Amino acid sequence: MLSLHQLTCFLATYEHGSLTAAAEELGYSQPSVSEQIRTLEKSLGVQLFRRVGRGVVPTTVADTLRPHAEQVLAAVDEAQQSVQEVKNFEKGTIRFGMFGIARLYGGSRLIADVLTRYPGVRVELIGQNSTEVFEDLRRGRLEAAMLAVSTVESEGMTVTPVAREELVYISADPDRTASPVTAHRLSTASLVMAETTYRAVDSTRITLRQMLHETGRNPPSRIEVEDIETAVELVGMGFADSVVPKGAAQQLLPRLAPNASWASLRPRVYDTFAVVHRSGAILSPAARLMIELATKRIQAIAEPL
């Protein structure tokens, strides 16, 4: 029966061409290394080295065995590293990027999912806006994230769509939501829009600009605010209308604007939620766990892709 110890002694002897040098590298006695080589040869029924002067020369059988021995030890090292990563992860910090309104899409429940599985970890959900998190990913500050994106193409990044959410028009005036809102109607509306700091790069606004392209106008905003809750409250007060993700409308209107209602846009347009990480990256167990759990949460609320 082959052992890892035997293969380790074999490779060291092969590399150095000397039992003595192999023993020095491994921190063993020379007789111990010699015994491991003899045991290995007996187990295989072959001669692996021939004595030449004070050293040894590998046989053709040893040449054949070498790459296989290297693969075995490399696999063991990889297995040990993977186990250590999981062990460290169970007591370490998990950092994961999320889009700005993740709080409305199960952000707290996502953290609960993680802590239920691994009660010893510390969790950080990062992100005020998808654009900000995207930059953190690009700079290597985060491994992976669940973001709202306007395109699935981005140089150096892997973007995997997992769900989509319809954008809807909300208003306190029932006449304005009695039928789907066309691009022309939207272009003349008086809107309150959230994410004002990121207005140039926010995925929702990019999608609306694409919708209004043929009208030659940008989404008209009468009021600019940071958070979507403030925007919805102002809609309820009748100061303006807005365009928000359908899931946000369903959650926020009953609480913050019970007199408001929503209607689809025509044509229907969507925000896309996607897993994003650097292309070619080998994701840690923590990142893979967050991707798995975040995807389940998003797909339970939005339309899976």
Foldseek 3Di string as FASTA:
>chain_A
DDDLVLLLLLQLQAVVQALCRSCVVVVHHSVVSVVSQVVVCVVVVHHQWDDDPRGTHGDVVVVVCNVVSVVVVVVVVVVVVQVVLVVCQLQEEFEEEEAQVCVLLCPVVLVVVVCVVRVNYHYHYDDNHQVVVVVCQVVVVHFKYKHWAQDCDDPQKHKAFWFKFWKKKKALDVVCAVAAAELVNQQPFEAEDAQQVCCPPHNVQVQNCVRNVVVVGGRHYPHYYHDPLVRLLVRLVGPGMYIDTPSCCVPRCVPRRVSMDIHAHVVIDITTIIMMHGPPDDDRPSSVSSVVSSSVSNVVRGPTD
